[in-house]
Amino acid sequence: MKKIISTLIIAATFYSGLNAQSVSKTTEEQLYRPNYHFTPQKGWMNDPNGLYYLDGLYHLFFQYYPGGNKWGPMHWGHATSKDLVKWEEQEVALFPDQLGYIFSGSAVVDKNNTSGFGDGKNIPVVAFYTYHDPLKEKENKLDVESQALAYSLDNGKTWTKYKNNPIIQNPGVRDFRDPKVIRDEIHQQWIMSIAVQDKTQFYASKNLKDWQLLSDFGKDLGAHGGVWECPDFFPIKIEGTQETKWVLIQNLNPGGPNGGSGAQFFVGDFDGKTFKIDALFAKQLAKEKAVWLDWGMDNYASVSFDNVPENKRVIIGWMSNWLYAQEVPTEKWRSSNTIAREVNLVKTKEGYILKNVPVSQLEKYHSKKISKNINLKSSQSILKNNEIDLTKAVIDFDFKKMTSGVYTISLSNSLGEKLTFGIDNKEKSLFIDRRKSGKTNFSDKFAKKVTKTPLSKTLTQGKFKILLDKTSIEIFFNNGEKVMTEIFFPNESFSELSLYTDTKGSVLNITAHELTINK
């Protein structure tokens, strides 16, 4: 009898565990799987890489470990989209081999077959990546990383690794990675940017296989709180002019503006060999010390797509931070990407702004719409879930007649959890506060402080575009002049949007769209 009872208890415990596990998984999917940001079905994801467009498809490759929810032997995962918004995960593109793990990199569409990889019928796509040798790493050798390539003749479905890999040997440094290749039509060459510890190195090639070192950049410029990683280098016209400047987006970890991972940028001129910062940008850099692409905690490794129609420059980033990325409270998968963003370079008297805003394709998924004009008082509810689903929304705020007070917008749920953000005209800053946003104790670095973005003056008016998903907020202030991206993990979905202010007489116009994106 004892044996039978014990067996029953064991069985009951087993099935109870299965049920609890099932509920847990269901809850995780319901609470935390994004509605419209890309995330893999399972496994670990970090940097986006190999981004390009060809024959109606955008390709997103990413650092991927399918065998677990923490960083491991890196592969290139793969997803495709027709519009940069709705993504479909594909088969793994590149696997580790005897030369090492497949680290970050880029891809280009070789329209003129300069590489010779084409077969006369299909345009070759050439991908560049870093080999990371784990055996050499264990032996504490310096030449752990080298650069390699693979090519595809069927628009990214299958890949052939180049027989003469690696194409660039390690020069004797420990951190030597993340090759970003672009076509430099101005100087009729291919340019590769590689992150090398605390600087960027530029290489040139005519055929994508043989590369020559041109120059170094950045050893004593900008932020150096951590290792430089994932560069992106491209020419772009100053908005409203025909003048072209070159922009280098240079990610680094740690050393971001509010801690941990971050992305800075530089503006200058490139003569085909050397990149030198612009005189106005030099003054800006002397004043600001570093110029940031995004002031939030959770936009890292932002890089751009190759061959985008109409020569637009579109970037996408990894929506997390190395401070806590491996501890966030999801088990089946970890990490998502930011929304794809179009960037434009703006020149002002004070310096340069690399504006980035959500791609316009997102608007075709706008469905339910609500507009309100509100005379602000100390505390009031603005939106509730029965009006707009706040787990999949785009909300535009237009503040007018602002004073020197604080304007706090709060996302909250019935558990008393909240995420707050807004404008502090007393301190002249934008802010996000996730200290009471739900699950935060998985890392003592996740919600340690309020994230802030400095403003140059007290505002009398200001516009926000807010993208809300289940576990993320992306704030675009004044058409992308300042951007903040952060993630959060409430124990129950946020269901109400409220506003608190210590001033009177201000006006808020709000337009909210619910998004409908069927997966």
Protein backbone atom coordinates (compact mmCIF):
# COMPACT_ATOMS: atom_id res chain seq x y z
CA MET A 1 0.00 0.00 0.00
CA LYS A 2 2.80 2.39 0.91
CA LYS A 3 4.39 1.57 -2.39
CA ILE A 4 1.14 2.31 -4.24
CA ILE A 5 0.61 5.57 -2.33
CA SER A 6 4.20 6.56 -2.96
CA THR A 7 3.79 5.79 -6.63
CA LEU A 8 0.60 7.85 -6.75
CA ILE A 9 2.30 10.74 -4.96
CA ILE A 10 5.24 10.59 -7.34
CA ALA A 11 2.91 10.44 -10.34
CA ALA A 12 0.79 13.30 -9.01
CA THR A 13 3.90 15.35 -8.35
CA PHE A 14 5.20 14.57 -11.82
CA TYR A 15 2.00 15.58 -13.59
CA SER A 16 1.59 18.58 -11.33
CA GLY A 17 5.08 19.63 -12.32
CA LEU A 18 4.21 19.19 -15.96
CA ASN A 19 1.06 21.27 -15.52
CA ALA A 20 2.96 23.98 -13.64
CA GLN A 21 5.59 23.94 -16.36
CA SER A 22 2.88 24.23 -19.00
CA VAL A 23 1.23 27.13 -17.19
CA SER A 24 4.62 28.77 -16.74
CA LYS A 25 5.36 28.49 -20.46
CA THR A 26 1.92 29.77 -21.39
CA THR A 27 2.32 32.69 -19.02
CA GLU A 28 5.74 33.49 -20.41
CA GLU A 29 4.40 33.52 -23.97
CA GLN A 30 1.36 35.59 -23.05
CA LEU A 31 3.25 38.07 -20.92
CA TYR A 32 6.58 38.44 -22.63
CA ARG A 33 6.63 37.23 -26.24
CA PRO A 34 6.61 40.54 -28.20
CA ASN A 35 3.63 41.31 -30.39
CA TYR A 36 5.62 42.96 -33.18
CA HIS A 37 9.34 43.00 -32.38
CA PHE A 38 11.36 40.09 -33.73
CA THR A 39 12.49 37.43 -31.28
CA PRO A 40 13.57 33.83 -32.03
CA GLN A 41 11.17 31.01 -31.22
CA LYS A 42 13.76 29.49 -28.90
CA GLY A 43 17.33 29.98 -27.77
CA TRP A 44 19.64 32.92 -27.24
CA MET A 45 19.96 35.94 -29.56
CA ASN A 46 22.20 39.01 -29.50
CA ASP A 47 23.70 41.28 -32.22
CA PRO A 48 21.91 41.71 -35.54
CA ASN A 49 24.25 41.13 -38.48
CA GLY A 50 24.33 40.43 -42.23
CA LEU A 51 21.48 42.86 -42.97
CA TYR A 52 20.52 43.34 -46.63
CA TYR A 53 17.63 43.72 -49.11
CA LEU A 54 17.22 41.83 -52.39
CA ASP A 55 14.30 40.82 -54.64
CA GLY A 56 11.57 42.06 -52.33
CA LEU A 57 12.98 40.58 -49.11
CA TYR A 58 14.79 42.14 -46.18
CA HIS A 59 17.18 39.75 -44.46
CA LEU A 60 18.01 39.89 -40.77
CA PHE A 61 20.74 37.60 -39.52
CA PHE A 62 21.64 37.55 -35.85
CA GLN A 63 23.99 36.10 -33.28
CA TYR A 64 22.27 32.92 -32.20
CA TYR A 65 22.71 29.96 -29.89
CA PRO A 66 19.88 27.48 -30.48
CA GLY A 67 21.09 25.15 -27.74
CA GLY A 68 20.29 27.33 -24.73
CA ASN A 69 18.96 30.64 -23.42
CA LYS A 70 22.38 32.03 -22.57
CA TRP A 71 25.31 32.97 -24.79
CA GLY A 72 27.00 29.92 -26.29
CA PRO A 73 28.73 28.77 -29.50
CA MET A 74 27.61 31.44 -31.94
CA HIS A 75 25.68 30.71 -35.14
CA TRP A 76 24.00 33.09 -37.56
CA GLY A 77 20.23 32.86 -37.12
CA HIS A 78 18.07 34.17 -39.95
CA ALA A 79 14.74 35.94 -40.43
CA THR A 80 13.13 37.61 -43.45
CA SER A 81 10.55 40.33 -43.98
CA LYS A 82 8.79 41.99 -46.90
CA ASP A 83 8.39 45.29 -45.03
CA LEU A 84 10.89 45.48 -42.09
CA VAL A 85 8.03 44.99 -39.60
CA LYS A 86 6.61 41.47 -39.87
CA TRP A 87 9.45 38.94 -39.63
CA GLU A 88 9.50 35.19 -40.36
CA GLU A 89 12.23 33.08 -38.80
CA GLN A 90 14.18 30.88 -41.23
CA GLU A 91 16.63 28.02 -40.86
CA VAL A 92 20.01 28.71 -39.24
CA ALA A 93 22.29 30.18 -41.90
CA LEU A 94 25.85 29.69 -40.63
CA PHE A 95 27.15 27.11 -38.15
CA PRO A 96 30.41 27.01 -36.18
CA ASP A 97 33.18 24.87 -37.71
CA GLN A 98 36.79 23.87 -37.10
CA LEU A 99 37.91 27.51 -37.38
CA GLY A 100 35.62 28.66 -34.58
CA TYR A 101 32.32 30.28 -33.65
CA ILE A 102 30.55 32.57 -36.13
CA PHE A 103 30.62 36.06 -34.60
CA SER A 104 29.01 39.30 -35.87
CA GLY A 105 29.48 40.80 -39.30
CA SER A 106 27.63 42.06 -42.36
CA ALA A 107 26.48 41.22 -45.88
CA VAL A 108 26.50 43.02 -49.23
CA VAL A 109 24.70 42.51 -52.52
CA ASP A 110 27.49 42.18 -55.10
CA LYS A 111 25.47 43.45 -58.09
CA ASN A 112 28.44 43.63 -60.47
CA ASN A 113 29.94 40.31 -59.36
CA THR A 114 33.21 41.94 -58.31
CA SER A 115 33.86 38.86 -56.17
CA GLY A 116 33.55 36.40 -59.07
CA PHE A 117 31.23 34.23 -56.97
CA GLY A 118 28.30 34.79 -59.36
CA ASP A 119 27.22 32.09 -61.79
CA GLY A 120 25.96 34.38 -64.53
CA LYS A 121 22.33 33.92 -63.50
CA ASN A 122 22.15 34.89 -59.83
CA ILE A 123 23.45 37.94 -57.96
CA PRO A 124 25.90 36.85 -55.26
CA VAL A 125 25.31 37.98 -51.69
CA VAL A 126 28.57 38.00 -49.74
CA ALA A 127 28.54 37.74 -45.95
CA PHE A 128 31.47 38.67 -43.71
CA TYR A 129 31.89 37.42 -40.17
CA THR A 130 34.47 36.97 -37.43
CA TYR A 131 35.79 33.53 -36.58
CA HIS A 132 36.28 33.23 -32.82
CA ASP A 133 38.50 30.30 -31.88
CA PRO A 134 37.46 28.97 -28.42
CA LEU A 135 40.52 26.73 -28.15
CA LYS A 136 42.92 29.64 -28.61
CA GLU A 137 40.83 31.63 -26.14
CA LYS A 138 41.27 28.91 -23.50
CA GLU A 139 45.01 28.97 -24.14
CA ASN A 140 44.99 32.77 -23.56
CA LYS A 141 46.40 33.44 -27.02
CA LEU A 142 46.01 36.82 -28.69
CA ASP A 143 45.09 35.70 -32.21
CA VAL A 144 41.67 34.39 -31.21
CA GLU A 145 39.71 36.23 -33.90
CA SER A 146 40.01 36.56 -37.69
CA GLN A 147 37.74 37.64 -40.55
CA ALA A 148 36.06 35.33 -43.03
CA LEU A 149 33.37 35.24 -45.70
CA ALA A 150 30.60 33.09 -47.12
CA TYR A 151 28.46 33.64 -50.21
CA SER A 152 24.95 32.80 -51.36
CA LEU A 153 23.54 32.46 -54.89
CA ASP A 154 19.92 31.87 -53.84
CA ASN A 155 19.16 35.05 -51.87
CA GLY A 156 20.32 33.82 -48.49
CA LYS A 157 18.72 30.36 -48.43
CA THR A 158 22.05 28.49 -48.53
CA TRP A 159 25.62 29.60 -47.98
CA THR A 160 29.06 28.45 -49.11
CA LYS A 161 32.01 29.30 -46.90
CA TYR A 162 35.00 30.59 -48.84
CA LYS A 163 37.69 27.96 -49.34
CA ASN A 164 40.50 30.41 -48.50
CA ASN A 165 39.12 31.58 -45.14
CA PRO A 166 40.18 33.50 -43.16
CA ILE A 167 40.49 36.45 -45.54
CA ILE A 168 42.10 38.71 -42.89
CA GLN A 169 44.40 37.19 -40.30
CA ASN A 170 44.59 38.46 -36.74
CA PRO A 171 47.24 41.22 -36.41
CA GLY A 172 48.14 40.18 -32.86
CA VAL A 173 45.33 41.69 -30.79
CA ARG A 174 42.71 40.03 -28.59
CA ASP A 175 39.57 41.93 -29.70
CA PHE A 176 39.44 42.03 -33.50
CA ARG A 177 35.92 41.57 -34.81
CA ASP A 178 32.58 42.49 -36.40
CA PRO A 179 33.47 43.35 -40.03
CA LYS A 180 31.01 45.84 -41.60
CA VAL A 181 31.38 46.04 -45.38
CA ILE A 182 29.88 48.70 -47.65
CA ARG A 183 30.28 49.72 -51.28
CA ASP A 184 32.13 53.04 -51.52
CA GLU A 185 30.94 54.26 -54.91
CA ILE A 186 32.71 57.60 -54.43
CA HIS A 187 36.12 55.91 -54.50
CA GLN A 188 35.09 52.76 -56.42
CA GLN A 189 36.05 50.27 -53.73
CA TRP A 190 34.67 48.12 -50.98
CA ILE A 191 35.35 49.31 -47.43
CA MET A 192 35.46 47.09 -44.36
CA SER A 193 35.31 48.53 -40.82
CA ILE A 194 36.57 46.29 -38.01
CA ALA A 195 36.39 46.98 -34.27
CA VAL A 196 39.86 46.56 -32.77
CA GLN A 197 39.85 46.96 -28.98
CA ASP A 198 39.62 50.76 -28.58
CA LYS A 199 39.58 51.85 -32.22
CA THR A 200 38.17 51.17 -35.70
CA GLN A 201 40.32 49.92 -38.56
CA PHE A 202 39.41 50.50 -42.21
CA TYR A 203 40.31 48.08 -44.99
CA ALA A 204 39.75 48.32 -48.75
CA SER A 205 39.18 45.75 -51.50
CA LYS A 206 38.28 45.60 -55.18
CA ASN A 207 37.03 41.99 -55.16
CA LEU A 208 35.74 41.37 -51.59
CA LYS A 209 38.38 38.66 -51.10
CA ASP A 210 41.70 40.50 -50.90
CA TRP A 211 41.88 43.29 -48.34
CA GLN A 212 44.41 46.03 -47.58
CA LEU A 213 44.63 47.96 -44.30
CA LEU A 214 44.03 51.68 -44.88
CA SER A 215 43.98 53.45 -41.52
CA ASP A 216 42.94 53.52 -37.86
CA PHE A 217 40.39 55.80 -36.23
CA GLY A 218 39.21 56.78 -32.79
CA LYS A 219 41.82 55.70 -30.27
CA ASP A 220 41.54 59.02 -28.39
CA LEU A 221 38.07 60.13 -29.51
CA GLY A 222 34.65 59.57 -28.00
CA ALA A 223 33.69 57.12 -25.27
CA HIS A 224 36.17 54.42 -24.22
CA GLY A 225 34.52 52.90 -21.16
CA GLY A 226 34.69 49.46 -22.73
CA VAL A 227 35.67 47.47 -25.81
CA TRP A 228 34.57 48.89 -29.17
CA GLU A 229 32.34 46.51 -31.12
CA CYS A 230 29.99 46.32 -34.14
CA PRO A 231 30.95 49.38 -36.24
CA ASP A 232 28.84 50.74 -39.08
CA PHE A 233 30.29 53.19 -41.58
CA PHE A 234 28.37 54.90 -44.39
CA PRO A 235 28.00 58.12 -46.45
CA ILE A 236 24.82 60.14 -45.97
CA LYS A 237 23.56 63.50 -47.20
CA ILE A 238 22.88 66.19 -44.61
CA GLU A 239 19.12 66.57 -44.46
CA GLY A 240 17.88 69.33 -46.79
CA THR A 241 21.20 69.65 -48.66
CA GLN A 242 23.32 67.89 -51.26
CA GLU A 243 26.36 67.80 -48.95
CA THR A 244 27.59 64.32 -48.07
CA LYS A 245 29.21 63.37 -44.78
CA TRP A 246 30.41 60.00 -43.52
CA VAL A 247 28.99 58.58 -40.30
CA LEU A 248 30.60 55.94 -38.10
CA ILE A 249 28.28 54.26 -35.60
CA GLN A 250 30.54 52.67 -33.02
CA ASN A 251 29.05 50.45 -30.34
CA LEU A 252 30.90 49.78 -27.12
CA ASN A 253 30.48 47.66 -24.03
CA PRO A 254 30.51 48.77 -21.26
CA GLY A 255 30.57 52.57 -21.27
CA GLY A 256 27.08 53.49 -22.51
CA PRO A 257 25.50 56.84 -21.52
CA ASN A 258 23.44 55.31 -18.70
CA GLY A 259 25.57 52.24 -18.01
CA GLY A 260 26.53 49.03 -19.79
CA SER A 261 26.15 48.67 -23.55
CA GLY A 262 25.73 51.71 -25.79
CA ALA A 263 26.08 53.13 -29.31
CA GLN A 264 27.94 56.35 -30.10
CA PHE A 265 28.50 57.96 -33.49
CA PHE A 266 30.98 60.21 -35.28
CA VAL A 267 30.52 62.54 -38.26
CA GLY A 268 33.29 63.44 -40.66
CA ASP A 269 34.90 63.10 -44.08
CA PHE A 270 36.47 60.09 -45.78
CA ASP A 271 39.01 60.49 -48.59
CA GLY A 272 39.06 56.83 -49.53
CA LYS A 273 41.75 56.01 -46.97
CA THR A 274 41.30 58.07 -43.80
CA PHE A 275 38.24 59.12 -41.80
CA LYS A 276 38.57 62.49 -40.05
CA ILE A 277 35.88 64.09 -37.93
CA ASP A 278 34.24 67.29 -39.14
CA ALA A 279 35.29 70.58 -37.47
CA LEU A 280 31.80 71.25 -36.13
CA PHE A 281 31.55 67.70 -34.81
CA ALA A 282 34.94 68.12 -33.13
CA LYS A 283 33.54 71.09 -31.17
CA GLN A 284 30.44 69.08 -30.31
CA LEU A 285 32.56 66.16 -29.15
CA ALA A 286 34.78 68.42 -27.02
CA LYS A 287 31.66 69.65 -25.26
CA GLU A 288 29.69 66.40 -24.95
CA LYS A 289 32.64 63.94 -24.73
CA ALA A 290 30.56 61.35 -26.64
CA VAL A 291 27.58 61.67 -28.99
CA TRP A 292 24.96 58.95 -28.56
CA LEU A 293 22.59 57.25 -30.97
CA ASP A 294 20.22 56.14 -28.19
CA TRP A 295 20.22 57.17 -24.53
CA GLY A 296 18.25 54.20 -23.20
CA MET A 297 19.70 51.08 -21.62
CA ASP A 298 18.57 48.67 -24.34
CA ASN A 299 19.74 49.46 -27.86
CA TYR A 300 23.05 47.83 -28.71
CA ALA A 301 24.88 46.71 -31.86
CA SER A 302 22.77 48.92 -34.13
CA VAL A 303 23.87 48.38 -37.74
CA SER A 304 22.33 49.17 -41.12
CA PHE A 305 20.91 47.23 -44.06
CA ASP A 306 22.69 47.03 -47.41
CA ASN A 307 20.92 47.80 -50.71
CA VAL A 308 17.78 49.37 -49.22
CA PRO A 309 15.44 50.85 -51.88
CA GLU A 310 15.70 54.61 -52.53
CA ASN A 311 19.13 54.61 -50.83
CA LYS A 312 17.54 54.96 -47.42
CA ARG A 313 19.69 54.18 -44.41
CA VAL A 314 17.83 51.78 -42.11
CA ILE A 315 19.23 50.38 -38.86
CA ILE A 316 18.11 47.80 -36.32
CA GLY A 317 19.58 46.98 -32.91
CA TRP A 318 19.62 44.32 -30.21
CA MET A 319 17.13 45.33 -27.53
CA SER A 320 19.05 44.39 -24.41
CA ASN A 321 22.19 45.16 -22.42
CA TRP A 322 25.12 42.91 -21.52
CA LEU A 323 24.71 43.99 -17.87
CA TYR A 324 21.72 41.65 -17.50
CA ALA A 325 20.83 40.12 -20.89
CA GLN A 326 21.51 36.56 -19.76
CA GLU A 327 19.37 36.89 -16.63
CA VAL A 328 16.14 38.43 -17.95
CA PRO A 329 13.03 36.44 -16.88
CA THR A 330 12.31 34.49 -20.05
CA GLU A 331 13.31 30.85 -20.34
CA LYS A 332 12.38 29.55 -23.80
CA TRP A 333 14.06 32.43 -25.62
CA ARG A 334 16.08 35.50 -24.76
CA SER A 335 16.16 38.90 -26.44
CA SER A 336 14.37 40.79 -29.18
CA ASN A 337 15.30 43.46 -31.71
CA THR A 338 14.37 47.12 -31.78
CA ILE A 339 11.96 48.29 -34.44
CA ALA A 340 13.71 49.00 -37.74
CA ARG A 341 14.55 52.72 -37.91
CA GLU A 342 15.33 55.12 -40.72
CA VAL A 343 18.21 57.49 -39.96
CA ASN A 344 18.87 60.99 -41.25
CA LEU A 345 21.73 63.37 -40.53
CA VAL A 346 20.78 66.85 -39.35
CA LYS A 347 23.20 69.75 -38.99
CA THR A 348 22.53 72.46 -36.38
CA LYS A 349 24.56 75.33 -34.94
CA GLU A 350 25.48 73.13 -31.99
CA GLY A 351 26.52 70.09 -34.01
CA TYR A 352 25.07 67.02 -35.70
CA ILE A 353 22.06 64.87 -34.85
CA LEU A 354 21.63 61.37 -36.25
CA LYS A 355 17.86 61.30 -36.12
CA ASN A 356 16.29 57.84 -36.07
CA VAL A 357 12.58 57.13 -36.31
CA PRO A 358 10.45 54.01 -36.91
CA VAL A 359 10.26 52.98 -40.56
CA SER A 360 7.14 54.29 -42.28
CA GLN A 361 6.01 50.72 -43.09
CA LEU A 362 4.84 50.41 -39.48
CA GLU A 363 1.94 52.73 -40.28
CA LYS A 364 0.22 50.15 -42.49
CA TYR A 365 -0.39 48.08 -39.35
CA HIS A 366 -2.23 50.92 -37.60
CA SER A 367 -5.78 49.79 -36.85
CA LYS A 368 -7.89 51.20 -34.02
CA LYS A 369 -7.32 54.93 -33.48
CA ILE A 370 -8.14 57.34 -30.65
CA SER A 371 -7.42 61.07 -30.48
CA LYS A 372 -7.79 63.32 -27.43
CA ASN A 373 -7.10 66.95 -26.54
CA ILE A 374 -6.44 67.33 -22.82
CA ASN A 375 -6.01 70.33 -20.55
CA LEU A 376 -3.55 68.95 -18.06
CA LYS A 377 -4.20 68.86 -14.35
CA SER A 378 -2.18 67.34 -11.52
CA SER A 379 -3.27 63.75 -12.09
CA GLN A 380 -5.46 62.14 -14.70
CA SER A 381 -6.01 58.92 -16.63
CA ILE A 382 -5.31 59.25 -20.35
CA LEU A 383 -5.86 55.80 -21.89
CA LYS A 384 -7.09 52.42 -20.76
CA ASN A 385 -6.83 48.98 -22.30
CA ASN A 386 -10.49 48.95 -23.29
CA GLU A 387 -9.69 51.89 -25.59
CA ILE A 388 -6.30 50.81 -26.96
CA ASP A 389 -4.33 47.64 -26.24
CA LEU A 390 -1.24 49.07 -24.55
CA THR A 391 0.80 45.93 -25.30
CA LYS A 392 0.80 46.75 -29.03
CA ALA A 393 0.46 50.47 -29.58
CA VAL A 394 1.98 53.55 -31.17
CA ILE A 395 1.14 56.74 -29.27
CA ASP A 396 1.95 60.30 -30.29
CA PHE A 397 2.09 62.96 -27.55
CA ASP A 398 2.17 66.65 -28.45
CA PHE A 399 2.77 68.87 -25.40
CA LYS A 400 2.08 72.60 -25.65
CA LYS A 401 2.29 75.54 -23.24
CA MET A 402 4.75 73.66 -21.07
CA THR A 403 6.29 75.29 -18.00
CA SER A 404 9.31 74.54 -15.84
CA GLY A 405 7.63 71.60 -14.12
CA VAL A 406 7.78 67.82 -14.45
CA TYR A 407 5.54 65.84 -16.82
CA THR A 408 5.36 62.18 -15.82
CA ILE A 409 3.55 59.59 -17.94
CA SER A 410 2.82 56.32 -16.15
CA LEU A 411 2.05 52.86 -17.51
CA SER A 412 0.47 50.78 -14.75
CA ASN A 413 -1.46 47.59 -13.98
CA SER A 414 -3.80 46.33 -11.25
CA LEU A 415 -0.84 44.99 -9.23
CA GLY A 416 0.47 48.51 -8.66
CA GLU A 417 3.44 47.97 -10.96
CA LYS A 418 4.38 50.90 -13.15
CA LEU A 419 6.82 52.19 -15.71
CA THR A 420 7.14 55.97 -15.80
CA PHE A 421 8.72 58.28 -18.36
CA GLY A 422 8.49 61.90 -19.38
CA ILE A 423 10.01 65.37 -19.37
CA ASP A 424 11.69 67.01 -16.38
CA ASN A 425 11.86 70.71 -17.22
CA LYS A 426 13.44 71.45 -13.84
CA GLU A 427 16.49 69.29 -14.54
CA LYS A 428 16.22 69.72 -18.33
CA SER A 429 16.05 66.02 -19.11
CA LEU A 430 13.96 63.18 -20.45
CA PHE A 431 13.67 60.14 -18.20
CA ILE A 432 12.53 56.50 -17.88
CA ASP A 433 12.01 54.90 -14.48
CA ARG A 434 11.50 51.11 -14.41
CA ARG A 435 12.36 50.54 -10.75
CA LYS A 436 8.76 49.50 -9.96
CA SER A 437 7.95 47.96 -13.35
CA GLY A 438 7.54 44.34 -12.17
CA LYS A 439 10.27 41.72 -12.16
CA THR A 440 13.52 43.57 -11.47
CA ASN A 441 15.41 41.46 -8.92
CA PHE A 442 16.92 39.06 -11.49
CA SER A 443 19.80 41.56 -11.67
CA ASP A 444 20.90 44.34 -9.34
CA LYS A 445 21.92 46.31 -12.45
CA PHE A 446 18.56 46.20 -14.25
CA ALA A 447 16.65 48.86 -12.33
CA LYS A 448 19.39 50.48 -10.30
CA LYS A 449 18.54 54.07 -11.24
CA VAL A 450 16.41 56.36 -13.38
CA THR A 451 17.64 56.60 -16.99
CA LYS A 452 18.11 60.20 -18.13
CA THR A 453 18.72 62.08 -21.35
CA PRO A 454 19.94 65.70 -21.13
CA LEU A 455 18.09 68.52 -22.88
CA SER A 456 19.74 71.76 -23.91
CA LYS A 457 16.93 74.00 -22.65
CA THR A 458 13.62 74.20 -20.81
CA LEU A 459 10.85 73.13 -23.20
CA THR A 460 7.69 75.07 -23.94
CA GLN A 461 6.54 72.34 -26.30
CA GLY A 462 7.66 68.86 -27.22
CA LYS A 463 6.59 65.79 -29.16
CA PHE A 464 6.94 62.11 -28.31
CA LYS A 465 6.33 59.08 -30.48
CA ILE A 466 6.06 56.05 -28.20
CA LEU A 467 6.21 52.43 -29.36
CA LEU A 468 4.82 50.02 -26.77
CA ASP A 469 5.10 46.26 -26.89
CA LYS A 470 4.62 43.71 -24.10
CA THR A 471 8.11 44.17 -22.71
CA SER A 472 9.53 47.27 -24.37
CA ILE A 473 9.21 50.99 -24.85
CA GLU A 474 10.90 53.01 -27.60
CA ILE A 475 10.71 56.78 -27.16
CA PHE A 476 11.36 59.08 -30.13
CA PHE A 477 11.49 62.70 -29.00
CA ASN A 478 10.98 65.56 -31.47
CA ASN A 479 11.11 63.37 -34.57
CA GLY A 480 14.04 61.30 -33.37
CA GLU A 481 16.34 64.03 -32.08
CA LYS A 482 16.62 62.09 -28.84
CA VAL A 483 15.82 58.39 -28.54
CA MET A 484 15.46 56.10 -25.52
CA THR A 485 14.88 52.33 -25.65
CA GLU A 486 14.23 50.12 -22.62
CA ILE A 487 12.76 46.74 -21.73
CA PHE A 488 10.68 45.71 -18.69
CA PHE A 489 8.93 42.64 -17.28
CA PRO A 490 5.62 43.28 -15.44
CA ASN A 491 3.85 40.41 -13.68
CA GLU A 492 0.68 41.50 -15.44
CA SER A 493 0.33 43.48 -18.66
CA PHE A 494 0.14 47.24 -18.28
CA SER A 495 -3.46 48.36 -18.74
CA GLU A 496 -3.62 52.10 -18.06
CA LEU A 497 -1.75 55.21 -19.13
CA SER A 498 -1.87 58.21 -16.78
CA LEU A 499 -0.21 61.59 -16.52
CA TYR A 500 1.04 63.48 -13.46
CA THR A 501 2.31 67.05 -13.43
CA ASP A 502 3.11 69.70 -10.84
CA THR A 503 2.16 72.57 -13.18
CA LYS A 504 -1.00 74.09 -14.63
CA GLY A 505 -2.09 75.40 -18.03
CA SER A 506 -0.33 72.89 -20.28
CA VAL A 507 -2.12 71.17 -23.14
CA LEU A 508 -1.64 67.64 -24.45
CA ASN A 509 -2.81 66.37 -27.82
CA ILE A 510 -2.65 62.60 -28.02
CA THR A 511 -3.16 60.20 -30.92
CA ALA A 512 -2.99 56.48 -30.23
CA HIS A 513 -3.02 53.61 -32.70
CA GLU A 514 -3.40 49.96 -31.86
CA LEU A 515 -1.26 47.73 -34.06
CA THR A 516 -2.60 44.64 -35.78
CA ILE A 517 0.21 42.32 -36.89
CA ASN A 518 -0.89 38.74 -37.45
CA LYS A 519 1.96 36.28 -37.03
